């Protein structure tokens, strides 16, 4: 596969052209064992019908990834989740944050402690794959949260170091919940970008990995929701970044 060159200046963010059209968009995530997620789950299900209480997903997130490089290394990936309006409303009520603009430092710390940090038990829903090996996220840095377009956003950095080679290489990132409690799809507009201190050839693709199964309902019940049919089985979507030194 040939990479498409992109001009790269020191510490400049630039969008990455897809290797081919990024046609698939949904990816799934693991149960968020935090009070806010649990409350949102009950309310989302109750709004639809009491009979759908066991249906999944309950929380919807649109994701964007920014890969960071210095002169020699891939340093990791900044992950952004933008939540659905129902979950946004729950956080607004529980944490008393404004419905627009930036949050105070105290608000960000409260959200991190009360509705994010527990995800360390669930690998932060983030998995790097390189050389055929999956690497669950074990730590995150630089967590922040704010509102954009009336929807709550989480943004955080996940370290994952790989040296830049002259030969083409790739790193994949899966964002999924093994019980499909949260449904994650990549954003349509610039889902992948790169910040680099050296010139790179880069491209990406987003695809569903049908080799990875997520059984979130052993009864395999079929439920229609959000114009999508859920059958009890899902496959995570993943972003693959292909890069080499320019």
Protein backbone atom coordinates (compact mmCIF):
# COMPACT_ATOMS: atom_id res chain seq x y z
CA UNK A 1 0.00 0.00 0.00
CA UNK A 2 1.43 3.36 -0.97
CA UNK A 3 1.22 6.20 1.53
CA UNK A 4 0.13 9.65 0.50
CA UNK A 5 2.64 12.35 1.48
CA UNK A 6 1.58 15.21 3.69
CA UNK A 7 3.58 18.32 4.40
CA UNK A 8 4.50 18.31 8.07
CA UNK A 9 5.85 21.20 10.10
CA UNK A 10 7.06 21.16 13.68
CA UNK A 11 4.23 20.63 16.15
CA UNK A 12 1.53 21.32 13.60
CA UNK A 13 -1.72 19.39 13.54
CA UNK A 14 -2.85 18.23 10.12
CA UNK A 15 -5.68 15.98 8.97
CA UNK A 16 -4.71 12.62 7.51
CA UNK A 17 -6.09 11.40 4.23
CA UNK A 18 -7.82 8.04 4.38
CA UNK A 19 -6.14 5.12 2.63
CA UNK A 20 -9.58 4.47 1.22
CA UNK A 21 -13.00 5.83 2.03
CA UNK A 22 -13.71 5.41 5.71
CA UNK A 23 -17.11 3.85 5.19
CA UNK A 24 -17.64 2.01 8.49
CA UNK A 25 -18.33 4.06 11.56
CA UNK A 26 -19.56 2.21 14.63
CA UNK A 27 -17.37 0.75 17.34
CA UNK A 28 -18.38 -0.67 20.70
CA UNK A 29 -17.25 -0.25 24.31
CA UNK A 30 -17.06 -1.86 27.72
CA UNK A 31 -19.40 -1.27 30.72
CA UNK A 32 -18.72 2.05 32.40
CA UNK A 33 -18.93 1.18 36.07
CA UNK A 34 -19.53 4.70 37.25
CA UNK A 35 -22.71 6.05 38.81
CA UNK A 36 -23.42 8.54 36.04
CA UNK A 37 -23.18 5.89 33.32
CA UNK A 38 -25.53 3.62 35.27
CA UNK A 39 -28.11 6.38 35.74
CA UNK A 40 -27.92 7.30 32.07
CA UNK A 41 -28.44 3.66 31.12
CA UNK A 42 -31.64 3.35 33.14
CA UNK A 43 -33.06 6.64 31.84
CA UNK A 44 -32.21 5.91 28.22
CA UNK A 45 -33.89 2.52 28.40
CA UNK A 46 -36.92 3.80 30.29
CA UNK A 47 -37.53 6.53 27.72
CA UNK A 48 -37.95 3.89 25.05
CA UNK A 49 -39.83 1.11 26.85
CA UNK A 50 -39.53 -0.92 30.05
CA UNK A 51 -39.13 -4.01 27.86
CA UNK A 52 -35.90 -2.64 26.42
CA UNK A 53 -34.09 -2.30 29.76
CA UNK A 54 -31.64 -5.04 28.79
CA UNK A 55 -31.05 -3.70 25.27
CA UNK A 56 -27.74 -2.15 24.31
CA UNK A 57 -26.20 0.33 23.83
CA UNK A 58 -27.24 3.00 26.33
CA UNK A 59 -24.53 5.63 25.83
CA UNK A 60 -23.48 6.95 22.42
CA UNK A 61 -20.07 8.49 21.75
CA UNK A 62 -18.45 9.99 18.63
CA UNK A 63 -14.67 9.58 18.65
CA UNK A 64 -11.71 11.40 17.15
CA UNK A 65 -8.03 10.41 17.43
CA UNK A 66 -4.94 12.62 17.21
CA UNK A 67 -1.65 10.73 16.94
CA UNK A 68 1.37 12.52 18.39
CA UNK A 69 4.94 12.13 17.14
CA UNK A 70 8.20 13.74 18.15
CA UNK A 71 11.28 13.58 15.91
CA UNK A 72 11.88 9.88 16.54
CA UNK A 73 8.79 8.29 18.05
CA UNK A 74 5.08 7.81 17.99
CA UNK A 75 4.30 9.05 21.50
CA UNK A 76 0.69 7.94 21.72
CA UNK A 77 -2.75 9.10 20.84
CA UNK A 78 -5.11 11.81 22.05
CA UNK A 79 -8.60 10.35 22.32
CA UNK A 80 -11.71 12.50 22.13
CA UNK A 81 -15.23 11.31 22.94
CA UNK A 82 -18.26 13.48 22.27
CA UNK A 83 -21.32 12.12 24.09
CA UNK A 84 -24.99 11.96 23.22
CA UNK A 85 -27.33 14.58 24.65
CA UNK A 86 -28.93 12.24 27.18
CA UNK A 87 -25.63 11.42 28.87
CA UNK A 88 -24.64 15.07 28.58
CA UNK A 89 -27.77 16.07 30.50
CA UNK A 90 -26.98 13.58 33.26
CA UNK A 91 -23.50 15.02 33.75
CA UNK A 92 -24.86 18.56 33.72
CA UNK A 93 -27.34 17.64 36.46
CA UNK A 94 -24.97 15.53 38.56
CA UNK A 95 -21.97 17.85 38.45
CA UNK A 96 -23.60 21.25 37.99
CA UNK A 97 -21.56 22.16 34.92
CA UNK A 98 -22.65 24.80 32.36
CA UNK A 99 -24.33 23.70 29.16
CA UNK A 100 -21.94 25.64 26.94
CA UNK A 101 -18.30 26.59 26.86
CA UNK A 102 -15.42 25.47 29.04
CA UNK A 103 -15.64 24.06 32.55
CA UNK A 104 -13.75 25.33 35.57
CA UNK A 105 -10.78 23.36 36.84
CA UNK A 106 -12.90 22.18 39.76
CA UNK A 107 -15.60 20.92 37.41
CA UNK A 108 -13.06 19.02 35.32
CA UNK A 109 -11.56 17.39 38.41
CA UNK A 110 -15.02 16.42 39.68
CA UNK A 111 -15.97 14.83 36.36
CA UNK A 112 -12.65 13.02 36.12
CA UNK A 113 -13.00 11.58 39.61
CA UNK A 114 -16.72 10.84 39.43
CA UNK A 115 -17.36 9.82 35.83
CA UNK A 116 -14.06 8.88 34.21
CA UNK A 117 -11.25 7.61 36.46
CA UNK A 118 -13.05 4.33 37.20
CA UNK A 119 -12.58 3.41 33.54
CA UNK A 120 -9.03 2.43 34.43
CA UNK A 121 -10.62 -0.90 35.37
CA UNK A 122 -11.86 -1.17 31.79
CA UNK A 123 -8.71 -0.08 29.92
CA UNK A 124 -10.34 3.29 29.18
CA UNK A 125 -12.10 1.53 26.28
CA UNK A 126 -8.84 2.01 24.32
CA UNK A 127 -6.69 -0.72 22.79
CA UNK A 128 -3.59 -0.30 20.63
CA UNK A 129 -2.68 -3.12 18.27
CA UNK A 130 0.84 -3.40 16.85
CA UNK A 131 2.67 -6.38 15.37
CA UNK A 132 -0.35 -8.55 16.01
CA UNK A 133 -0.45 -7.83 19.75
CA UNK A 134 -3.18 -5.92 21.56
CA UNK A 135 -2.04 -3.40 24.17
CA UNK A 136 -4.83 -2.20 26.50
CA UNK A 137 -4.47 1.35 27.76
CA UNK A 138 -2.95 1.19 31.24
CA UNK A 139 -2.71 4.93 31.91
CA UNK A 140 -4.03 8.22 30.60
CA UNK A 141 -2.83 11.79 30.94
CA UNK A 142 -4.11 15.30 30.35
CA UNK A 143 -7.77 14.58 30.95
CA UNK A 144 -10.10 17.48 30.26
CA UNK A 145 -13.79 17.94 29.63
CA UNK A 146 -15.94 20.68 28.11
CA UNK A 147 -19.08 21.29 26.06
CA UNK A 148 -19.20 21.54 22.29
CA UNK A 149 -22.39 21.92 20.30
CA UNK A 150 -24.47 21.21 23.42
CA UNK A 151 -22.73 17.88 23.94
CA UNK A 152 -20.23 16.79 26.56
CA UNK A 153 -16.66 16.08 25.42
CA UNK A 154 -13.93 14.07 27.13
CA UNK A 155 -10.37 14.40 25.85
CA UNK A 156 -7.31 12.58 27.17
CA UNK A 157 -3.92 11.30 26.04
CA UNK A 158 -2.96 7.61 25.99
CA UNK A 159 0.81 6.92 25.78
CA UNK A 160 1.99 4.29 23.30
CA UNK A 161 5.54 4.57 22.01
CA UNK A 162 6.80 3.19 18.70
CA UNK A 163 9.94 4.30 16.83
CA UNK A 164 9.51 5.89 13.42
CA UNK A 165 11.13 3.75 10.73
CA UNK A 166 11.97 4.39 7.10
CA UNK A 167 9.83 1.39 6.20
CA UNK A 168 6.05 1.60 6.28
CA UNK A 169 4.47 0.45 9.54
CA UNK A 170 1.05 0.63 11.11
CA UNK A 171 -0.65 0.98 14.47
CA UNK A 172 -4.32 0.27 15.04
CA UNK A 173 -6.55 1.71 17.77
CA UNK A 174 -9.75 0.00 18.86
CA UNK A 175 -12.25 1.93 20.96
CA UNK A 176 -14.84 -0.50 22.25
CA UNK A 177 -16.86 -1.77 25.20
CA UNK A 178 -16.83 -5.54 25.49
CA UNK A 179 -20.44 -5.54 26.74
CA UNK A 180 -21.59 -2.93 24.23
CA UNK A 181 -22.95 -0.68 27.00
CA UNK A 182 -21.50 2.28 25.11
CA UNK A 183 -21.60 2.57 21.33
CA UNK A 184 -18.67 4.48 19.83
CA UNK A 185 -18.48 5.67 16.25
CA UNK A 186 -15.78 7.73 14.59
CA UNK A 187 -16.74 11.27 13.72
CA UNK A 188 -17.45 11.98 10.09
CA UNK A 189 -15.31 15.12 9.94
CA UNK A 190 -11.56 14.61 10.37
CA UNK A 191 -11.77 11.51 12.56
CA UNK A 192 -7.97 11.13 12.43
CA UNK A 193 -5.27 13.78 12.64
CA UNK A 194 -1.53 13.87 13.36
CA UNK A 195 0.77 16.19 15.30
CA UNK A 196 4.42 15.61 14.42
CA UNK A 197 7.80 17.24 14.85
CA UNK A 198 9.19 15.44 11.82
CA UNK A 199 8.06 14.94 8.21
CA UNK A 200 6.01 11.79 7.71
CA UNK A 201 4.11 9.92 5.04
CA UNK A 202 0.82 9.03 6.72
CA UNK A 203 -2.59 7.65 5.83
CA UNK A 204 -5.38 5.90 7.68
CA UNK A 205 -8.34 3.62 7.33
CA UNK A 206 -11.33 2.97 9.59
CA UNK A 207 -12.89 -0.45 9.39
CA UNK A 208 -14.86 -3.04 11.31
CA UNK A 209 -12.83 -5.92 12.67
CA UNK A 210 -15.14 -8.89 12.26
CA UNK A 211 -12.55 -11.20 13.81
CA UNK A 212 -13.37 -9.70 17.21
CA UNK A 213 -16.81 -10.61 18.58
CA UNK A 214 -18.71 -8.72 21.27
CA UNK A 215 -21.50 -10.86 22.73
CA UNK A 216 -23.53 -8.39 24.74
CA UNK A 217 -26.77 -10.39 24.97
CA UNK A 218 -26.60 -14.19 25.31
CA UNK A 219 -30.21 -14.39 24.17
CA UNK A 220 -29.18 -12.64 20.96
CA UNK A 221 -32.36 -10.59 21.05
CA UNK A 222 -33.01 -8.22 18.18
CA UNK A 223 -33.82 -4.59 19.02
CA UNK A 224 -34.24 -1.66 16.64
CA UNK A 225 -32.98 1.65 17.98
CA UNK A 226 -31.53 4.82 16.51
CA UNK A 227 -32.35 3.39 13.05
CA UNK A 228 -30.00 0.49 13.78
CA UNK A 229 -30.76 -3.18 14.37
CA UNK A 230 -29.02 -4.64 17.44
CA UNK A 231 -28.93 -8.44 17.55
CA UNK A 232 -26.81 -9.27 20.58
CA UNK A 233 -23.55 -9.54 18.63
CA UNK A 234 -21.30 -6.66 17.53
CA UNK A 235 -17.83 -6.16 16.09
CA UNK A 236 -15.56 -3.28 17.07
CA UNK A 237 -14.43 -0.70 14.58
CA UNK A 238 -10.80 0.34 14.60
CA UNK A 239 -8.64 3.06 13.11
CA UNK A 240 -5.35 2.08 11.51
CA UNK A 241 -2.61 4.65 11.00
CA UNK A 242 0.03 3.78 8.38
CA UNK A 243 3.20 5.86 8.62
CA UNK A 244 6.89 6.09 7.76
CA UNK A 245 9.59 8.67 7.81
CA UNK A 246 9.48 10.99 4.83
